[in-house]
Amino acid sequence: MLLTLKPDHKRHVLLLTGHTPQVLQDFCKLALDYLQKGPNTKLYNAAAQKLDVEVNVIKNSVEGLVNLLIESCRYKLNSEDFRDSIISLGFSEQQEVILSKLYNVKKDEISNTLKDIGFKLPEYHDMEWRFEVQIASRALLKQVAPLITLDLSIKNSDKDENIEHVLLQTDPVNLSHITQQLEEALQEGYSQHIRRLSRAIK
């Protein structure tokens, strides 16, 4: 089978077809560094100066190459299918040899990582809540002590019978703080780096 890339990813990969085999080899090293440590702006700036291009061109090319490897591993391409996919994208035979060597060296490691990412974690199913206020006690005849009790239903699989109930109790101030932290985490999930990784993995 031939690999089909999304338009943006394909455009980024095709940026590499115009380079010499030696330059492509350097991009392979950048892709390996990306897989091990994440994006490295310092290396991208150095490569951009060397090739006299914008830093974004280097960054997009590296991410396009990383995505090519990830997608090939997701579809479990064998060496022949990977080679045919590379040639169909417009790479030369010399460039194909370099990319095939990179794929064959890293495919087991990437495949194992994808399996770990695909591990299904418990997910939210439903929630019930109750608001309680204690207005007096033996020690304090006049007081207001509001409490919120939450019953979280969490699914451990696709089957409805595998639902776990988690009871939580907190006061409004702490609940407001938890809400703020969750909203900040949600905004972080929309960051450019997270979106790029999500697009690469999907």
N, C-alpha and C. Protein backbone atom coordinates (compact mmCIF):
# COMPACT_ATOMS: atom_id res chain seq x y z
N MET A 1 0.83 -1.19 0.00
CA MET A 1 0.00 0.00 0.00
C MET A 1 0.88 1.25 0.00
N LEU A 2 0.33 2.34 -0.58
CA LEU A 2 1.03 3.61 -0.58
C LEU A 2 0.49 4.49 0.53
N LEU A 3 1.38 5.18 1.19
CA LEU A 3 1.00 6.05 2.30
C LEU A 3 0.35 7.32 1.76
N THR A 4 -0.77 7.72 2.37
CA THR A 4 -1.45 8.96 2.01
C THR A 4 -1.31 9.95 3.15
N LEU A 5 -0.71 11.10 2.86
CA LEU A 5 -0.50 12.12 3.89
C LEU A 5 -1.53 13.23 3.75
N LYS A 6 -1.82 13.90 4.87
CA LYS A 6 -2.68 15.07 4.84
C LYS A 6 -1.97 16.18 4.06
N PRO A 7 -2.74 17.09 3.44
CA PRO A 7 -2.13 18.13 2.58
C PRO A 7 -1.01 18.93 3.25
N ASP A 8 -1.24 19.38 4.50
CA ASP A 8 -0.21 20.17 5.19
C ASP A 8 1.05 19.35 5.43
N HIS A 9 0.88 18.10 5.86
CA HIS A 9 2.02 17.24 6.12
C HIS A 9 2.77 16.92 4.82
N LYS A 10 2.00 16.70 3.77
CA LYS A 10 2.63 16.39 2.48
C LYS A 10 3.45 17.57 1.99
N ARG A 11 2.91 18.78 2.15
CA ARG A 11 3.63 19.97 1.72
C ARG A 11 4.94 20.13 2.49
N HIS A 12 4.91 19.83 3.78
CA HIS A 12 6.13 19.93 4.59
C HIS A 12 7.16 18.88 4.19
N VAL A 13 6.69 17.68 3.89
CA VAL A 13 7.61 16.62 3.47
C VAL A 13 8.24 16.97 2.12
N LEU A 14 7.44 17.53 1.22
CA LEU A 14 7.95 17.83 -0.11
C LEU A 14 9.01 18.92 -0.11
N LEU A 15 9.10 19.67 0.99
CA LEU A 15 10.18 20.66 1.10
C LEU A 15 11.55 19.99 1.08
N LEU A 16 11.58 18.71 1.44
CA LEU A 16 12.85 17.99 1.52
C LEU A 16 13.33 17.44 0.18
N THR A 17 12.43 17.35 -0.80
CA THR A 17 12.80 16.72 -2.07
C THR A 17 13.82 17.54 -2.85
N GLY A 18 13.87 18.83 -2.59
CA GLY A 18 14.78 19.68 -3.36
C GLY A 18 16.19 19.75 -2.80
N HIS A 19 16.46 19.04 -1.72
CA HIS A 19 17.79 19.09 -1.11
C HIS A 19 18.66 17.93 -1.55
N THR A 20 19.95 18.10 -1.40
CA THR A 20 20.90 17.04 -1.74
C THR A 20 20.80 15.92 -0.70
N PRO A 21 21.30 14.73 -1.06
CA PRO A 21 21.29 13.62 -0.09
C PRO A 21 21.99 13.97 1.22
N GLN A 22 23.07 14.76 1.15
CA GLN A 22 23.80 15.13 2.37
C GLN A 22 22.95 16.01 3.28
N VAL A 23 22.23 16.97 2.67
CA VAL A 23 21.36 17.84 3.46
C VAL A 23 20.20 17.03 4.03
N LEU A 24 19.67 16.11 3.25
CA LEU A 24 18.59 15.25 3.74
C LEU A 24 19.07 14.42 4.92
N GLN A 25 20.32 13.99 4.87
CA GLN A 25 20.91 13.24 5.99
C GLN A 25 20.92 14.10 7.26
N ASP A 26 21.22 15.39 7.08
CA ASP A 26 21.20 16.30 8.23
C ASP A 26 19.79 16.45 8.79
N PHE A 27 18.81 16.48 7.92
CA PHE A 27 17.42 16.57 8.38
C PHE A 27 17.02 15.30 9.14
N CYS A 28 17.54 14.18 8.71
CA CYS A 28 17.26 12.92 9.42
C CYS A 28 17.79 12.99 10.85
N LYS A 29 18.97 13.61 11.02
CA LYS A 29 19.54 13.77 12.36
C LYS A 29 18.66 14.68 13.21
N LEU A 30 18.12 15.74 12.58
CA LEU A 30 17.22 16.65 13.29
C LEU A 30 15.93 15.93 13.68
N ALA A 31 15.46 15.06 12.81
CA ALA A 31 14.25 14.30 13.11
C ALA A 31 14.48 13.34 14.27
N LEU A 32 15.65 12.70 14.29
CA LEU A 32 15.99 11.81 15.41
C LEU A 32 16.06 12.59 16.71
N ASP A 33 16.64 13.78 16.65
CA ASP A 33 16.72 14.62 17.85
C ASP A 33 15.32 15.03 18.31
N TYR A 34 14.44 15.30 17.36
CA TYR A 34 13.05 15.66 17.68
C TYR A 34 12.34 14.51 18.39
N LEU A 35 12.53 13.30 17.89
CA LEU A 35 11.88 12.13 18.49
C LEU A 35 12.38 11.86 19.90
N GLN A 36 13.64 12.19 20.15
CA GLN A 36 14.23 11.90 21.45
C GLN A 36 14.02 13.02 22.47
N LYS A 37 14.07 14.28 22.00
CA LYS A 37 14.08 15.41 22.93
C LYS A 37 13.03 16.46 22.65
N GLY A 38 12.33 16.36 21.50
CA GLY A 38 11.40 17.41 21.13
C GLY A 38 12.08 18.44 20.23
N PRO A 39 11.36 19.49 19.82
CA PRO A 39 11.94 20.50 18.91
C PRO A 39 13.09 21.25 19.56
N ASN A 40 14.09 21.57 18.75
CA ASN A 40 15.29 22.26 19.23
C ASN A 40 15.50 23.52 18.39
N THR A 41 15.07 24.66 18.92
CA THR A 41 15.13 25.93 18.19
C THR A 41 16.57 26.31 17.83
N LYS A 42 17.50 26.01 18.72
CA LYS A 42 18.91 26.36 18.46
C LYS A 42 19.43 25.65 17.21
N LEU A 43 19.12 24.36 17.11
CA LEU A 43 19.56 23.61 15.93
C LEU A 43 18.85 24.09 14.66
N TYR A 44 17.58 24.47 14.79
CA TYR A 44 16.83 24.96 13.63
C TYR A 44 17.39 26.28 13.13
N ASN A 45 17.76 27.14 14.07
CA ASN A 45 18.36 28.42 13.67
C ASN A 45 19.68 28.21 12.93
N ALA A 46 20.50 27.28 13.43
CA ALA A 46 21.78 26.99 12.78
C ALA A 46 21.56 26.43 11.37
N ALA A 47 20.60 25.53 11.23
CA ALA A 47 20.30 24.94 9.92
C ALA A 47 19.74 25.99 8.97
N ALA A 48 18.91 26.90 9.49
CA ALA A 48 18.33 27.95 8.65
C ALA A 48 19.41 28.88 8.11
N GLN A 49 20.40 29.23 8.95
CA GLN A 49 21.50 30.07 8.50
C GLN A 49 22.36 29.36 7.46
N LYS A 50 22.58 28.07 7.67
CA LYS A 50 23.40 27.29 6.74
C LYS A 50 22.75 27.19 5.37
N LEU A 51 21.41 27.03 5.35
CA LEU A 51 20.70 26.85 4.08
C LEU A 51 20.12 28.16 3.55
N ASP A 52 20.28 29.24 4.35
CA ASP A 52 19.77 30.56 3.96
C ASP A 52 18.26 30.52 3.71
N VAL A 53 17.52 29.98 4.69
CA VAL A 53 16.06 29.93 4.61
C VAL A 53 15.49 30.37 5.95
N GLU A 54 14.17 30.56 6.00
CA GLU A 54 13.52 30.92 7.25
C GLU A 54 13.53 29.73 8.22
N VAL A 55 13.53 30.05 9.52
CA VAL A 55 13.54 28.99 10.54
C VAL A 55 12.29 28.11 10.42
N ASN A 56 11.16 28.72 10.06
CA ASN A 56 9.91 27.96 9.92
C ASN A 56 10.02 26.87 8.85
N VAL A 57 10.81 27.14 7.83
CA VAL A 57 11.00 26.13 6.77
C VAL A 57 11.70 24.91 7.35
N ILE A 58 12.71 25.13 8.17
CA ILE A 58 13.42 24.02 8.81
C ILE A 58 12.49 23.27 9.75
N LYS A 59 11.77 24.02 10.58
CA LYS A 59 10.86 23.42 11.57
C LYS A 59 9.79 22.58 10.87
N ASN A 60 9.19 23.13 9.83
CA ASN A 60 8.14 22.40 9.11
C ASN A 60 8.69 21.16 8.42
N SER A 61 9.89 21.26 7.89
CA SER A 61 10.49 20.11 7.22
C SER A 61 10.77 18.98 8.20
N VAL A 62 11.30 19.33 9.38
CA VAL A 62 11.58 18.32 10.41
C VAL A 62 10.28 17.66 10.87
N GLU A 63 9.28 18.48 11.15
CA GLU A 63 8.00 17.94 11.61
C GLU A 63 7.33 17.10 10.52
N GLY A 64 7.51 17.50 9.26
CA GLY A 64 6.97 16.71 8.16
C GLY A 64 7.64 15.34 8.08
N LEU A 65 8.95 15.32 8.29
CA LEU A 65 9.69 14.06 8.27
C LEU A 65 9.30 13.17 9.44
N VAL A 66 9.15 13.78 10.62
CA VAL A 66 8.71 13.02 11.80
C VAL A 66 7.33 12.43 11.56
N ASN A 67 6.43 13.24 11.01
CA ASN A 67 5.08 12.75 10.72
C ASN A 67 5.10 11.61 9.71
N LEU A 68 5.98 11.70 8.73
CA LEU A 68 6.12 10.64 7.73
C LEU A 68 6.48 9.31 8.40
N LEU A 69 7.42 9.38 9.34
CA LEU A 69 7.82 8.17 10.07
C LEU A 69 6.68 7.63 10.93
N ILE A 70 5.98 8.54 11.63
CA ILE A 70 4.89 8.12 12.51
C ILE A 70 3.76 7.48 11.72
N GLU A 71 3.36 8.13 10.62
CA GLU A 71 2.27 7.59 9.81
C GLU A 71 2.65 6.24 9.20
N SER A 72 3.89 6.10 8.79
CA SER A 72 4.35 4.83 8.21
C SER A 72 4.29 3.72 9.26
N CYS A 73 4.65 4.06 10.50
CA CYS A 73 4.58 3.07 11.58
C CYS A 73 3.14 2.76 11.96
N ARG A 74 2.27 3.77 11.94
CA ARG A 74 0.86 3.54 12.26
C ARG A 74 0.23 2.54 11.30
N TYR A 75 0.58 2.65 10.02
CA TYR A 75 0.03 1.74 9.02
C TYR A 75 0.90 0.50 8.80
N LYS A 76 1.94 0.38 9.63
CA LYS A 76 2.80 -0.80 9.62
C LYS A 76 3.33 -1.11 8.23
N LEU A 77 3.85 -0.10 7.57
CA LEU A 77 4.39 -0.30 6.23
C LEU A 77 5.65 -1.17 6.29
N ASN A 78 5.74 -2.13 5.39
CA ASN A 78 6.99 -2.88 5.28
C ASN A 78 7.98 -2.07 4.46
N SER A 79 9.19 -2.56 4.34
CA SER A 79 10.25 -1.80 3.66
C SER A 79 9.89 -1.47 2.22
N GLU A 80 9.25 -2.43 1.53
CA GLU A 80 8.91 -2.20 0.12
C GLU A 80 7.82 -1.14 -0.02
N ASP A 81 6.80 -1.20 0.85
CA ASP A 81 5.73 -0.21 0.78
C ASP A 81 6.25 1.18 1.14
N PHE A 82 7.15 1.24 2.12
CA PHE A 82 7.73 2.53 2.49
C PHE A 82 8.53 3.10 1.32
N ARG A 83 9.31 2.24 0.68
CA ARG A 83 10.11 2.69 -0.47
C ARG A 83 9.22 3.23 -1.57
N ASP A 84 8.15 2.50 -1.90
CA ASP A 84 7.24 2.94 -2.97
C ASP A 84 6.56 4.26 -2.60
N SER A 85 6.22 4.41 -1.32
CA SER A 85 5.58 5.65 -0.87
C SER A 85 6.52 6.84 -1.01
N ILE A 86 7.80 6.62 -0.67
CA ILE A 86 8.79 7.69 -0.77
C ILE A 86 9.02 8.10 -2.23
N ILE A 87 9.14 7.11 -3.10
CA ILE A 87 9.35 7.39 -4.52
C ILE A 87 8.14 8.13 -5.10
N SER A 88 6.91 7.72 -4.68
CA SER A 88 5.70 8.36 -5.21
C SER A 88 5.58 9.81 -4.76
N LEU A 89 6.22 10.16 -3.64
CA LEU A 89 6.20 11.53 -3.16
C LEU A 89 7.15 12.43 -3.95
N GLY A 90 8.04 11.83 -4.73
CA GLY A 90 8.95 12.63 -5.56
C GLY A 90 10.39 12.62 -5.11
N PHE A 91 10.74 11.77 -4.17
CA PHE A 91 12.13 11.67 -3.74
C PHE A 91 12.94 10.85 -4.74
N SER A 92 14.22 11.17 -4.87
CA SER A 92 15.10 10.43 -5.77
C SER A 92 15.47 9.09 -5.13
N GLU A 93 16.10 8.23 -5.91
CA GLU A 93 16.50 6.92 -5.39
C GLU A 93 17.54 7.06 -4.27
N GLN A 94 18.46 8.02 -4.41
CA GLN A 94 19.45 8.25 -3.37
C GLN A 94 18.78 8.73 -2.07
N GLN A 95 17.82 9.63 -2.22
CA GLN A 95 17.09 10.12 -1.05
C GLN A 95 16.27 9.01 -0.42
N GLU A 96 15.69 8.15 -1.24
CA GLU A 96 14.89 7.03 -0.73
C GLU A 96 15.73 6.09 0.12
N VAL A 97 16.96 5.84 -0.29
CA VAL A 97 17.85 4.96 0.47
C VAL A 97 18.10 5.53 1.86
N ILE A 98 18.31 6.84 1.94
CA ILE A 98 18.56 7.49 3.23
C ILE A 98 17.34 7.40 4.13
N LEU A 99 16.16 7.71 3.57
CA LEU A 99 14.93 7.70 4.37
C LEU A 99 14.54 6.28 4.78
N SER A 100 14.76 5.32 3.89
CA SER A 100 14.44 3.93 4.22
C SER A 100 15.32 3.42 5.35
N LYS A 101 16.58 3.82 5.33
CA LYS A 101 17.50 3.43 6.42
C LYS A 101 17.02 4.01 7.74
N LEU A 102 16.59 5.28 7.72
CA LEU A 102 16.07 5.93 8.93
C LEU A 102 14.82 5.20 9.43
N TYR A 103 13.93 4.87 8.52
CA TYR A 103 12.68 4.20 8.89
C TYR A 103 12.95 2.82 9.50
N ASN A 104 13.81 2.05 8.87
CA ASN A 104 14.10 0.70 9.35
C ASN A 104 14.79 0.71 10.72
N VAL A 105 15.57 1.76 10.98
CA VAL A 105 16.26 1.85 12.27
C VAL A 105 15.30 2.24 13.39
N LYS A 106 14.33 3.12 13.09
CA LYS A 106 13.49 3.70 14.14
C LYS A 106 12.07 3.13 14.22
N LYS A 107 11.66 2.29 13.26
CA LYS A 107 10.24 1.90 13.22
C LYS A 107 9.79 1.10 14.44
N ASP A 108 10.64 0.23 14.96
CA ASP A 108 10.25 -0.55 16.14
C ASP A 108 10.06 0.35 17.35
N GLU A 109 10.98 1.29 17.53
CA GLU A 109 10.90 2.21 18.67
C GLU A 109 9.65 3.09 18.56
N ILE A 110 9.38 3.61 17.36
CA ILE A 110 8.20 4.47 17.17
C ILE A 110 6.93 3.67 17.35
N SER A 111 6.89 2.45 16.83
CA SER A 111 5.70 1.61 16.96
C SER A 111 5.39 1.32 18.42
N ASN A 112 6.42 1.04 19.20
CA ASN A 112 6.23 0.79 20.63
C ASN A 112 5.71 2.02 21.35
N THR A 113 6.22 3.19 20.96
CA THR A 113 5.75 4.44 21.56
C THR A 113 4.29 4.69 21.22
N LEU A 114 3.89 4.40 19.99
CA LEU A 114 2.50 4.59 19.59
C LEU A 114 1.57 3.67 20.36
N LYS A 115 2.05 2.47 20.66
CA LYS A 115 1.24 1.54 21.46
C LYS A 115 1.02 2.10 22.85
N ASP A 116 2.07 2.69 23.44
CA ASP A 116 1.95 3.27 24.77
C ASP A 116 0.99 4.45 24.75
N ILE A 117 1.07 5.28 23.70
CA ILE A 117 0.19 6.44 23.59
C ILE A 117 -1.26 5.98 23.43
N GLY A 118 -1.44 4.86 22.76
CA GLY A 118 -2.78 4.36 22.52
C GLY A 118 -3.40 3.67 23.71
N PHE A 119 -2.69 3.58 24.85
CA PHE A 119 -3.24 2.95 26.05
C PHE A 119 -4.48 3.71 26.51
N LYS A 120 -5.59 3.00 26.68
CA LYS A 120 -6.86 3.64 27.01
C LYS A 120 -6.97 3.89 28.50
N LEU A 121 -7.04 5.16 28.87
CA LEU A 121 -7.17 5.55 30.26
C LEU A 121 -8.65 5.66 30.64
N PRO A 122 -8.98 5.57 31.92
CA PRO A 122 -10.36 5.77 32.36
C PRO A 122 -10.85 7.15 31.90
N GLU A 123 -12.12 7.25 31.53
CA GLU A 123 -12.64 8.51 31.03
C GLU A 123 -13.93 8.91 31.74
N TYR A 124 -14.21 10.19 31.72
CA TYR A 124 -15.39 10.74 32.39
C TYR A 124 -16.66 10.19 31.75
N HIS A 125 -17.63 9.83 32.60
CA HIS A 125 -18.92 9.33 32.11
C HIS A 125 -20.07 10.22 32.57
N ASP A 126 -20.12 10.53 33.85
CA ASP A 126 -21.23 11.32 34.37
C ASP A 126 -20.82 11.91 35.73
N MET A 127 -21.61 12.89 36.20
CA MET A 127 -21.33 13.47 37.51
C MET A 127 -22.63 13.93 38.16
N GLU A 128 -22.76 13.64 39.45
CA GLU A 128 -23.86 14.17 40.25
C GLU A 128 -23.27 14.97 41.40
N TRP A 129 -23.96 16.01 41.83
CA TRP A 129 -23.41 16.84 42.90
C TRP A 129 -24.52 17.27 43.86
N ARG A 130 -24.08 17.58 45.07
CA ARG A 130 -25.01 18.02 46.11
C ARG A 130 -24.34 19.13 46.91
N PHE A 131 -25.11 20.20 47.17
CA PHE A 131 -24.61 21.35 47.93
C PHE A 131 -25.17 21.28 49.35
N GLU A 132 -24.28 21.30 50.34
CA GLU A 132 -24.70 21.21 51.73
C GLU A 132 -24.16 22.40 52.52
N VAL A 133 -24.95 22.84 53.50
CA VAL A 133 -24.51 23.95 54.35
C VAL A 133 -24.78 23.60 55.80
N GLN A 134 -23.73 23.61 56.60
CA GLN A 134 -23.88 23.42 58.05
C GLN A 134 -24.02 24.80 58.68
N ILE A 135 -25.18 25.05 59.35
CA ILE A 135 -25.46 26.39 59.87
C ILE A 135 -25.24 26.49 61.38
N ALA A 136 -25.01 25.36 62.06
CA ALA A 136 -24.77 25.43 63.51
C ALA A 136 -24.17 24.12 63.99
N SER A 137 -23.50 24.20 65.13
CA SER A 137 -22.96 23.02 65.79
C SER A 137 -22.96 23.28 67.29
N ARG A 138 -22.60 22.29 68.06
CA ARG A 138 -22.55 22.49 69.52
C ARG A 138 -21.51 23.53 69.92
N ALA A 139 -20.41 23.55 69.18
CA ALA A 139 -19.35 24.50 69.51
C ALA A 139 -19.67 25.90 69.00
N LEU A 140 -20.25 25.96 67.79
CA LEU A 140 -20.59 27.26 67.19
C LEU A 140 -22.07 27.27 66.83
N LEU A 141 -22.82 28.09 67.54
CA LEU A 141 -24.27 28.12 67.30
C LEU A 141 -24.61 28.82 66.00
N LYS A 142 -23.76 29.74 65.57
CA LYS A 142 -23.99 30.46 64.32
C LYS A 142 -22.77 30.32 63.42
N GLN A 143 -22.95 29.63 62.34
CA GLN A 143 -21.85 29.47 61.39
C GLN A 143 -22.42 29.09 60.03
N VAL A 144 -21.62 29.30 59.01
CA VAL A 144 -21.99 28.86 57.66
C VAL A 144 -20.79 28.11 57.09
N ALA A 145 -20.94 26.81 56.94
CA ALA A 145 -19.85 25.97 56.42
C ALA A 145 -20.36 25.22 55.19
N PRO A 146 -20.29 25.84 53.99
CA PRO A 146 -20.79 25.18 52.77
C PRO A 146 -19.85 24.08 52.30
N LEU A 147 -20.40 22.98 51.84
CA LEU A 147 -19.65 21.86 51.28
C LEU A 147 -20.33 21.38 50.00
N ILE A 148 -19.53 20.96 49.05
CA ILE A 148 -20.05 20.40 47.80
C ILE A 148 -19.58 18.96 47.68
N THR A 149 -20.53 18.05 47.53
CA THR A 149 -20.22 16.63 47.38
C THR A 149 -20.40 16.25 45.91
N LEU A 150 -19.38 15.64 45.33
CA LEU A 150 -19.39 15.24 43.92
C LEU A 150 -19.31 13.73 43.81
N ASP A 151 -20.13 13.17 42.94
CA ASP A 151 -20.08 11.74 42.62
C ASP A 151 -19.69 11.61 41.16
N LEU A 152 -18.42 11.32 40.92
CA LEU A 152 -17.90 11.17 39.55
C LEU A 152 -18.04 9.73 39.08
N SER A 153 -18.63 9.55 37.91
CA SER A 153 -18.73 8.23 37.30
C SER A 153 -17.67 8.12 36.21
N ILE A 154 -16.78 7.13 36.33
CA ILE A 154 -15.66 6.97 35.41
C ILE A 154 -15.75 5.61 34.73
N LYS A 155 -15.64 5.63 33.40
CA LYS A 155 -15.69 4.39 32.62
C LYS A 155 -14.28 3.85 32.41
N ASN A 156 -14.09 2.58 32.71
CA ASN A 156 -12.79 1.93 32.51
C ASN A 156 -12.70 1.19 31.19
N SER A 157 -13.82 1.08 30.47
CA SER A 157 -13.84 0.44 29.16
C SER A 157 -15.07 0.92 28.44
N ASP A 158 -15.34 0.36 27.26
CA ASP A 158 -16.50 0.76 26.48
C ASP A 158 -17.81 0.17 27.03
N LYS A 159 -17.71 -0.75 27.97
CA LYS A 159 -18.89 -1.39 28.53
C LYS A 159 -19.44 -0.57 29.70
N ASP A 160 -20.78 -0.39 29.72
CA ASP A 160 -21.41 0.43 30.75
C ASP A 160 -21.27 -0.17 32.15
N GLU A 161 -21.14 -1.51 32.23
CA GLU A 161 -21.06 -2.11 33.56
C GLU A 161 -19.72 -1.85 34.24
N ASN A 162 -18.72 -1.41 33.49
CA ASN A 162 -17.41 -1.12 34.07
C ASN A 162 -17.30 0.35 34.44
N ILE A 163 -18.21 0.81 35.30
CA ILE A 163 -18.23 2.20 35.73
C ILE A 163 -17.86 2.28 37.21
N GLU A 164 -16.89 3.12 37.50
CA GLU A 164 -16.43 3.29 38.88
C GLU A 164 -16.92 4.63 39.41
N HIS A 165 -17.36 4.65 40.66
CA HIS A 165 -17.83 5.89 41.29
C HIS A 165 -16.76 6.41 42.24
N VAL A 166 -16.44 7.69 42.08
CA VAL A 166 -15.45 8.34 42.93
C VAL A 166 -16.15 9.49 43.65
N LEU A 167 -16.17 9.44 44.98
CA LEU A 167 -16.82 10.48 45.78
C LEU A 167 -15.79 11.51 46.23
N LEU A 168 -16.10 12.77 46.01
CA LEU A 168 -15.22 13.87 46.41
C LEU A 168 -16.04 14.89 47.19
N GLN A 169 -15.41 15.52 48.17
CA GLN A 169 -16.07 16.57 48.94
C GLN A 169 -15.12 17.74 49.10
N THR A 170 -15.61 18.94 48.84
CA THR A 170 -14.75 20.12 48.90
C THR A 170 -15.59 21.35 49.22
N ASP A 171 -14.91 22.45 49.51
CA ASP A 171 -15.62 23.71 49.75
C ASP A 171 -15.57 24.55 48.47
N PRO A 172 -16.43 25.57 48.36
CA PRO A 172 -16.49 26.37 47.12
C PRO A 172 -15.17 27.02 46.72
N VAL A 173 -14.39 27.48 47.70
CA VAL A 173 -13.11 28.14 47.38
C VAL A 173 -12.15 27.15 46.72
N ASN A 174 -12.03 25.96 47.27
CA ASN A 174 -11.14 24.95 46.71
C ASN A 174 -11.64 24.48 45.34
N LEU A 175 -12.96 24.35 45.20
CA LEU A 175 -13.53 23.95 43.91
C LEU A 175 -13.23 25.00 42.84
N SER A 176 -13.31 26.27 43.22
CA SER A 176 -12.98 27.35 42.28
C SER A 176 -11.52 27.26 41.85
N HIS A 177 -10.63 26.95 42.80
CA HIS A 177 -9.21 26.81 42.47
C HIS A 177 -8.97 25.63 41.53
N ILE A 178 -9.65 24.50 41.80
CA ILE A 178 -9.52 23.32 40.92
C ILE A 178 -9.99 23.65 39.51
N THR A 179 -11.12 24.38 39.43
CA THR A 179 -11.66 24.77 38.13
C THR A 179 -10.67 25.63 37.36
N GLN A 180 -10.03 26.57 38.06
CA GLN A 180 -9.03 27.44 37.42
C GLN A 180 -7.85 26.63 36.89
N GLN A 181 -7.38 25.66 37.68
CA GLN A 181 -6.25 24.83 37.25
C GLN A 181 -6.61 23.99 36.03
N LEU A 182 -7.83 23.45 36.01
CA LEU A 182 -8.27 22.64 34.88
C LEU A 182 -8.40 23.49 33.62
N GLU A 183 -8.90 24.72 33.77
CA GLU A 183 -9.02 25.61 32.62
C GLU A 183 -7.64 25.97 32.06
N GLU A 184 -6.67 26.18 32.94
CA GLU A 184 -5.30 26.47 32.48
C GLU A 184 -4.71 25.26 31.75
N ALA A 185 -4.99 24.05 32.27
CA ALA A 185 -4.51 22.84 31.60
C ALA A 185 -5.16 22.69 30.24
N LEU A 186 -6.45 23.04 30.15
CA LEU A 186 -7.16 22.96 28.88
C LEU A 186 -6.58 23.94 27.86
N GLN A 187 -6.26 25.16 28.31
CA GLN A 187 -5.63 26.12 27.42
C GLN A 187 -4.27 25.65 26.96
N GLU A 188 -3.51 25.00 27.85
CA GLU A 188 -2.21 24.45 27.48
C GLU A 188 -2.35 23.39 26.40
N GLY A 189 -3.47 22.64 26.48
CA GLY A 189 -3.74 21.62 25.46
C GLY A 189 -3.97 22.20 24.08
N TYR A 190 -4.29 23.51 24.02
CA TYR A 190 -4.50 24.17 22.74
C TYR A 190 -3.23 24.85 22.23
N SER A 191 -2.10 24.70 22.93
CA SER A 191 -0.86 25.34 22.51
C SER A 191 -0.39 24.77 21.18
N GLN A 192 0.44 25.53 20.49
CA GLN A 192 0.89 25.13 19.16
C GLN A 192 1.66 23.82 19.19
N HIS A 193 2.54 23.65 20.19
CA HIS A 193 3.34 22.43 20.25
C HIS A 193 2.46 21.21 20.47
N ILE A 194 1.47 21.31 21.38
CA ILE A 194 0.58 20.18 21.63
C ILE A 194 -0.25 19.86 20.39
N ARG A 195 -0.73 20.91 19.70
CA ARG A 195 -1.52 20.67 18.49
C ARG A 195 -0.68 19.99 17.41
N ARG A 196 0.58 20.39 17.31
CA ARG A 196 1.44 19.76 16.30
C ARG A 196 1.64 18.29 16.61
N LEU A 197 1.88 17.96 17.89
CA LEU A 197 2.07 16.58 18.27
C LEU A 197 0.80 15.77 18.05
N SER A 198 -0.34 16.36 18.37
CA SER A 198 -1.61 15.67 18.19
C SER A 198 -1.87 15.36 16.73
N ARG A 199 -1.58 16.36 15.87
CA ARG A 199 -1.78 16.13 14.44
C ARG A 199 -0.83 15.05 13.93
N ALA A 200 0.38 15.01 14.46
CA ALA A 200 1.36 14.01 14.02
C ALA A 200 0.95 12.62 14.43
N ILE A 201 0.34 12.49 15.62
CA ILE A 201 -0.01 11.17 16.14
C ILE A 201 -1.28 10.65 15.52
N LYS A 202 -2.24 11.54 15.22
CA LYS A 202 -3.52 11.11 14.66
C LYS A 202 -3.36 10.53 13.28
